[in-house]
């Protein structure tokens, strides 16, 4: 299956996480959900933070002994940091574990908040809420149905970013709380008009699972592309906060629709 710029198909690449209480979406109310998105290497950042925190704990313990102005590494003057660096250069444990004196560069991204169109698309919204909360296992895939720790694996700048593959995390899989594919809700088959619209990705009519995409620009910025997909994908939500995060995602370099920097859903749930 060939993936075109203006076709939100689920990609076919062929290469080789107690019980929860779920929110039931009331038909007359809009549920709000959040996606916390990190731009950058999350595993590397976690490792660097752990190594920095070891230095931080050391400074807190020895600050008075060495006459530092504060016991908080975050607030140390540069000359005191150099002293710490010199001392730790002779500490076998610090050297072996590669403790850091400088705070790791923060990851990009932030929180996206969406209002879901429960009344128009109740089945789609219930599926999305469940996958944001986690706690279920797919009957078809036998894998956890949870967006947390999955990636936004497809990026078409000035158009869309796509994610939600809870089974393979590369665009070739997906599952739902309905045991696989479920039908389009006709009330959601609308035209795309603005940035932040949340829609289901699919591989054809009535093939929704867990994959979704978010528009990155308004229609007027890319009318031809947006008009081509109008009415083919169920729109079931709209970003109401965090559009600046979408702008940051849009600026991530991409090659062959693959982000050059990891974009990860590090947390998600109901607001």
Protein backbone atom coordinates (compact mmCIF):
# COMPACT_ATOMS: atom_id res chain seq x y z
CA UNK A 1 0.00 0.00 0.00
CA UNK A 2 1.55 3.29 -1.08
CA UNK A 3 1.25 6.19 1.31
CA UNK A 4 0.61 9.47 -0.49
CA UNK A 5 1.06 12.96 0.94
CA UNK A 6 -2.65 13.61 1.08
CA UNK A 7 -3.87 10.14 2.01
CA UNK A 8 -4.11 9.30 5.71
CA UNK A 9 -3.71 5.56 5.31
CA UNK A 10 -2.29 3.29 7.97
CA UNK A 11 1.21 2.56 6.79
CA UNK A 12 2.39 -0.90 5.79
CA UNK A 13 6.09 -1.24 6.61
CA UNK A 14 6.47 -5.04 6.97
CA UNK A 15 9.60 -4.83 9.14
CA UNK A 16 10.57 -6.55 11.76
CA UNK A 17 2.28 -1.98 29.81
CA UNK A 18 -4.74 -3.01 38.21
CA UNK A 19 -7.94 -2.23 36.88
CA UNK A 20 -9.03 1.29 35.93
CA UNK A 21 -12.28 3.22 36.09
CA UNK A 22 -13.16 4.56 32.66
CA UNK A 23 -14.97 7.79 31.90
CA UNK A 24 -18.23 7.26 30.07
CA UNK A 25 -18.72 10.04 27.58
CA UNK A 26 -22.05 11.77 28.11
CA UNK A 27 -23.70 12.47 24.74
CA UNK A 28 -24.50 16.09 25.52
CA UNK A 29 -21.16 17.00 27.07
CA UNK A 30 -17.72 17.38 25.57
CA UNK A 31 -15.01 15.34 27.22
CA UNK A 32 -11.57 16.94 27.34
CA UNK A 33 -8.50 14.78 26.99
CA UNK A 34 -4.80 15.64 27.11
CA UNK A 35 -1.77 14.35 25.27
CA UNK A 36 1.61 15.24 26.77
CA UNK A 37 4.03 15.24 23.87
CA UNK A 38 7.83 15.20 24.14
CA UNK A 39 10.04 16.15 21.22
CA UNK A 40 13.47 14.57 21.53
CA UNK A 41 15.10 11.35 22.72
CA UNK A 42 13.16 10.53 25.90
CA UNK A 43 15.34 7.56 26.90
CA UNK A 44 18.51 9.62 26.60
CA UNK A 45 16.94 12.50 28.51
CA UNK A 46 15.83 10.16 31.32
CA UNK A 47 19.33 8.71 31.59
CA UNK A 48 20.95 12.15 31.64
CA UNK A 49 18.50 13.35 34.29
CA UNK A 50 19.35 10.38 36.53
CA UNK A 51 23.07 11.12 36.20
CA UNK A 52 22.48 14.81 36.92
CA UNK A 53 20.39 13.97 39.99
CA UNK A 54 23.27 11.93 41.42
CA UNK A 55 25.49 15.00 41.24
CA UNK A 56 22.66 17.05 42.72
CA UNK A 57 22.42 14.69 45.71
CA UNK A 58 26.20 14.85 46.18
CA UNK A 59 26.17 18.66 46.21
CA UNK A 60 23.35 18.72 48.77
CA UNK A 61 25.37 16.45 51.05
CA UNK A 62 28.76 18.17 50.71
CA UNK A 63 27.92 21.84 50.02
CA UNK A 64 28.75 23.04 53.56
CA UNK A 65 31.99 21.07 53.67
CA UNK A 66 33.24 22.65 50.48
CA UNK A 67 31.87 26.11 51.21
CA UNK A 68 29.41 26.33 48.34
CA UNK A 69 27.00 29.27 48.47
CA UNK A 70 24.03 26.89 48.12
CA UNK A 71 23.35 23.18 48.35
CA UNK A 72 21.19 23.29 45.23
CA UNK A 73 23.13 22.32 42.12
CA UNK A 74 20.59 24.14 39.95
CA UNK A 75 21.59 27.42 41.61
CA UNK A 76 25.36 27.00 41.90
CA UNK A 77 27.59 29.72 40.51
CA UNK A 78 29.85 28.70 37.65
CA UNK A 79 33.03 28.74 39.77
CA UNK A 80 31.43 26.36 42.28
CA UNK A 81 30.32 24.12 39.43
CA UNK A 82 33.90 23.95 38.24
CA UNK A 83 34.96 22.93 41.75
CA UNK A 84 32.36 20.16 41.70
CA UNK A 85 33.61 19.06 38.31
CA UNK A 86 37.21 18.91 39.55
CA UNK A 87 36.29 16.92 42.66
CA UNK A 88 34.15 14.42 40.78
CA UNK A 89 36.84 13.92 38.15
CA UNK A 90 38.75 12.03 40.87
CA UNK A 91 35.73 10.09 42.14
CA UNK A 92 35.68 6.54 40.67
CA UNK A 93 31.92 6.12 41.07
CA UNK A 94 31.10 9.48 39.50
CA UNK A 95 33.40 8.71 36.60
CA UNK A 96 32.10 5.20 36.05
CA UNK A 97 28.46 6.34 36.16
CA UNK A 98 29.22 9.52 34.21
CA UNK A 99 27.58 11.96 36.61
CA UNK A 100 26.60 15.26 35.04
CA UNK A 101 27.25 18.72 36.46
CA UNK A 102 25.23 20.60 33.85
CA UNK A 103 21.47 20.20 33.77
CA UNK A 104 20.27 18.21 30.74
CA UNK A 105 18.74 20.18 27.91
CA UNK A 106 14.95 20.02 28.29
CA UNK A 107 12.85 18.16 25.78
CA UNK A 108 10.59 20.10 23.48
CA UNK A 109 6.85 19.73 23.27
CA UNK A 110 4.15 20.21 25.88
CA UNK A 111 0.49 19.51 26.57
CA UNK A 112 -2.23 19.31 23.94
CA UNK A 113 -5.83 19.49 25.15
CA UNK A 114 -8.69 18.39 22.92
CA UNK A 115 -12.44 18.68 23.22
CA UNK A 116 -14.06 15.53 21.89
CA UNK A 117 -17.25 15.57 19.83
CA UNK A 118 -19.06 13.01 21.97
CA UNK A 119 -22.53 13.72 20.65
CA UNK A 120 -21.58 13.44 17.00
CA UNK A 121 -19.12 10.56 17.32
CA UNK A 122 -19.77 8.67 20.59
CA UNK A 123 -18.22 5.37 19.52
CA UNK A 124 -15.04 6.98 18.21
CA UNK A 125 -14.71 9.18 21.29
CA UNK A 126 -15.25 6.28 23.72
CA UNK A 127 -12.48 4.36 21.97
CA UNK A 128 -10.10 7.32 22.08
CA UNK A 129 -10.81 8.02 25.78
CA UNK A 130 -10.19 4.37 26.66
CA UNK A 131 -6.88 4.37 24.79
CA UNK A 132 -5.84 7.59 26.53
CA UNK A 133 -6.58 6.07 29.94
CA UNK A 134 -5.17 2.61 29.32
CA UNK A 135 -6.00 -0.48 31.36
CA UNK A 136 -7.50 -2.64 28.60
CA UNK A 137 -5.91 -5.43 26.56
CA UNK A 138 -6.82 -5.81 22.91
CA UNK A 139 -8.75 -8.98 22.13
CA UNK A 140 -7.33 -9.06 18.63
CA UNK A 141 -3.77 -7.92 19.31
CA UNK A 142 -3.38 -9.19 22.92
CA UNK A 143 -1.47 -5.96 23.59
CA UNK A 144 -2.15 -3.06 25.99
CA UNK A 145 -4.51 -0.50 24.47
CA UNK A 146 -2.75 2.65 25.61
CA UNK A 147 -1.35 5.64 23.76
CA UNK A 148 1.19 6.36 26.51
CA UNK A 149 4.79 5.86 25.32
CA UNK A 150 3.79 5.51 21.67
CA UNK A 151 5.18 7.79 18.98
CA UNK A 152 3.84 10.23 16.46
CA UNK A 153 5.50 8.33 13.65
CA UNK A 154 4.37 10.26 10.58
CA UNK A 155 4.85 13.96 9.90
CA UNK A 156 3.87 15.88 6.80
CA UNK A 157 4.85 19.51 7.50
CA UNK A 158 2.10 22.10 7.03
CA UNK A 159 -0.41 19.26 6.85
CA UNK A 160 -0.70 16.53 9.52
CA UNK A 161 1.06 14.54 12.23
CA UNK A 162 -0.06 10.96 12.75
CA UNK A 163 0.24 8.47 15.62
CA UNK A 164 -1.72 6.04 17.74
CA UNK A 165 -0.34 2.68 16.62
CA UNK A 166 -0.73 0.87 19.95
CA UNK A 167 0.38 -2.53 18.66
CA UNK A 168 3.47 -1.91 16.51
CA UNK A 169 4.20 1.79 17.02
CA UNK A 170 5.35 2.25 13.43
CA UNK A 171 2.13 2.88 11.51
CA UNK A 172 1.54 -0.69 10.36
CA UNK A 173 -0.69 -1.75 13.26
CA UNK A 174 -3.50 -0.63 15.53
CA UNK A 175 -6.38 -2.00 17.60
CA UNK A 176 -9.52 -0.77 19.34
CA UNK A 177 -11.74 -1.54 22.30
CA UNK A 178 -14.16 -3.03 19.77
CA UNK A 179 -11.90 -5.98 18.91
CA UNK A 180 -10.24 -4.54 15.82
CA UNK A 181 -11.72 -2.30 13.16
CA UNK A 182 -14.89 -0.28 13.63
CA UNK A 183 -17.11 1.72 11.31
CA UNK A 184 -16.98 5.40 10.45
CA UNK A 185 -19.51 7.61 12.23
CA UNK A 186 -21.05 9.62 9.42
CA UNK A 187 -21.54 12.76 11.54
CA UNK A 188 -17.75 13.04 11.73
CA UNK A 189 -17.08 12.80 8.00
CA UNK A 190 -16.59 16.52 7.61
CA UNK A 191 -14.29 18.90 5.79
CA UNK A 192 -11.00 19.90 7.34
CA UNK A 193 -10.85 23.63 8.00
CA UNK A 194 -8.30 24.48 10.68
CA UNK A 195 -5.28 23.46 12.72
CA UNK A 196 -5.80 21.15 15.66
CA UNK A 197 -8.56 18.99 14.22
CA UNK A 198 -8.35 15.44 15.56
CA UNK A 199 -9.38 12.63 13.22
CA UNK A 200 -9.11 8.88 12.81
CA UNK A 201 -6.60 7.51 10.32
CA UNK A 202 -7.72 4.51 8.31
CA UNK A 203 -6.91 2.19 5.44
CA UNK A 204 -10.27 2.69 3.74
CA UNK A 205 -13.93 3.03 4.61
CA UNK A 206 -14.94 1.60 8.04
CA UNK A 207 -11.40 0.53 9.04
CA UNK A 208 -10.80 2.66 12.15
CA UNK A 209 -8.71 1.21 14.99
CA UNK A 210 -6.43 3.35 17.15
CA UNK A 211 -4.43 5.45 14.72
CA UNK A 212 -5.29 9.14 14.54
CA UNK A 213 -3.94 12.33 13.04
CA UNK A 214 -3.95 16.02 13.91
CA UNK A 215 -4.01 18.84 11.40
CA UNK A 216 -1.08 21.24 11.71
CA UNK A 217 -2.33 24.17 9.65
CA UNK A 218 -5.53 25.89 8.62
CA UNK A 219 -7.11 24.86 5.33
CA UNK A 220 -6.18 28.15 3.66
CA UNK A 221 -2.50 27.34 4.23
CA UNK A 222 -2.73 24.06 2.29
CA UNK A 223 -6.14 23.99 0.62
CA UNK A 224 -5.41 21.36 -2.01
CA UNK A 225 -4.20 18.77 0.49
CA UNK A 226 -7.00 19.38 2.99
CA UNK A 227 -9.75 19.36 0.38
CA UNK A 228 -8.54 16.02 -0.90
CA UNK A 229 -9.08 14.30 2.47
CA UNK A 230 -12.34 16.04 3.40
CA UNK A 231 -15.19 13.63 4.16
CA UNK A 232 -12.94 10.57 4.18
CA UNK A 233 -11.81 10.53 7.81
CA UNK A 234 -13.88 10.86 10.99
CA UNK A 235 -13.19 14.17 12.74
CA UNK A 236 -13.97 13.68 16.43
CA UNK A 237 -12.13 16.44 18.30
CA UNK A 238 -10.51 19.86 18.27
CA UNK A 239 -7.43 21.17 20.06
CA UNK A 240 -8.46 23.92 22.50
CA UNK A 241 -5.06 24.40 24.13
CA UNK A 242 -1.49 23.76 23.05
CA UNK A 243 -1.54 24.95 19.46
CA UNK A 244 2.00 26.21 20.03
CA UNK A 245 2.99 22.56 20.55
CA UNK A 246 1.59 21.77 17.12
CA UNK A 247 3.67 24.61 15.69
CA UNK A 248 6.76 23.08 17.31
CA UNK A 249 5.90 19.67 15.89
CA UNK A 250 5.42 21.23 12.47
CA UNK A 251 8.98 22.56 12.64
CA UNK A 252 10.52 19.15 13.29
CA UNK A 253 12.57 18.10 10.25
CA UNK A 254 11.04 15.19 8.35
CA UNK A 255 12.31 12.90 5.62
CA UNK A 256 9.92 10.68 3.68
CA UNK A 257 7.21 11.68 6.17
CA UNK A 258 9.27 10.32 9.09
CA UNK A 259 10.19 12.80 11.86
CA UNK A 260 13.92 13.38 12.17
CA UNK A 261 13.46 13.78 15.93
CA UNK A 262 11.40 11.44 18.11
CA UNK A 263 7.92 12.71 19.01
CA UNK A 264 6.52 10.71 21.93
CA UNK A 265 3.23 10.69 23.82
CA UNK A 266 4.71 10.54 27.33
CA UNK A 267 1.36 10.77 29.11
CA UNK A 268 -2.33 11.04 28.29
CA UNK A 269 -5.73 10.93 29.93
CA UNK A 270 -8.94 12.79 30.72
CA UNK A 271 -8.76 16.38 31.97
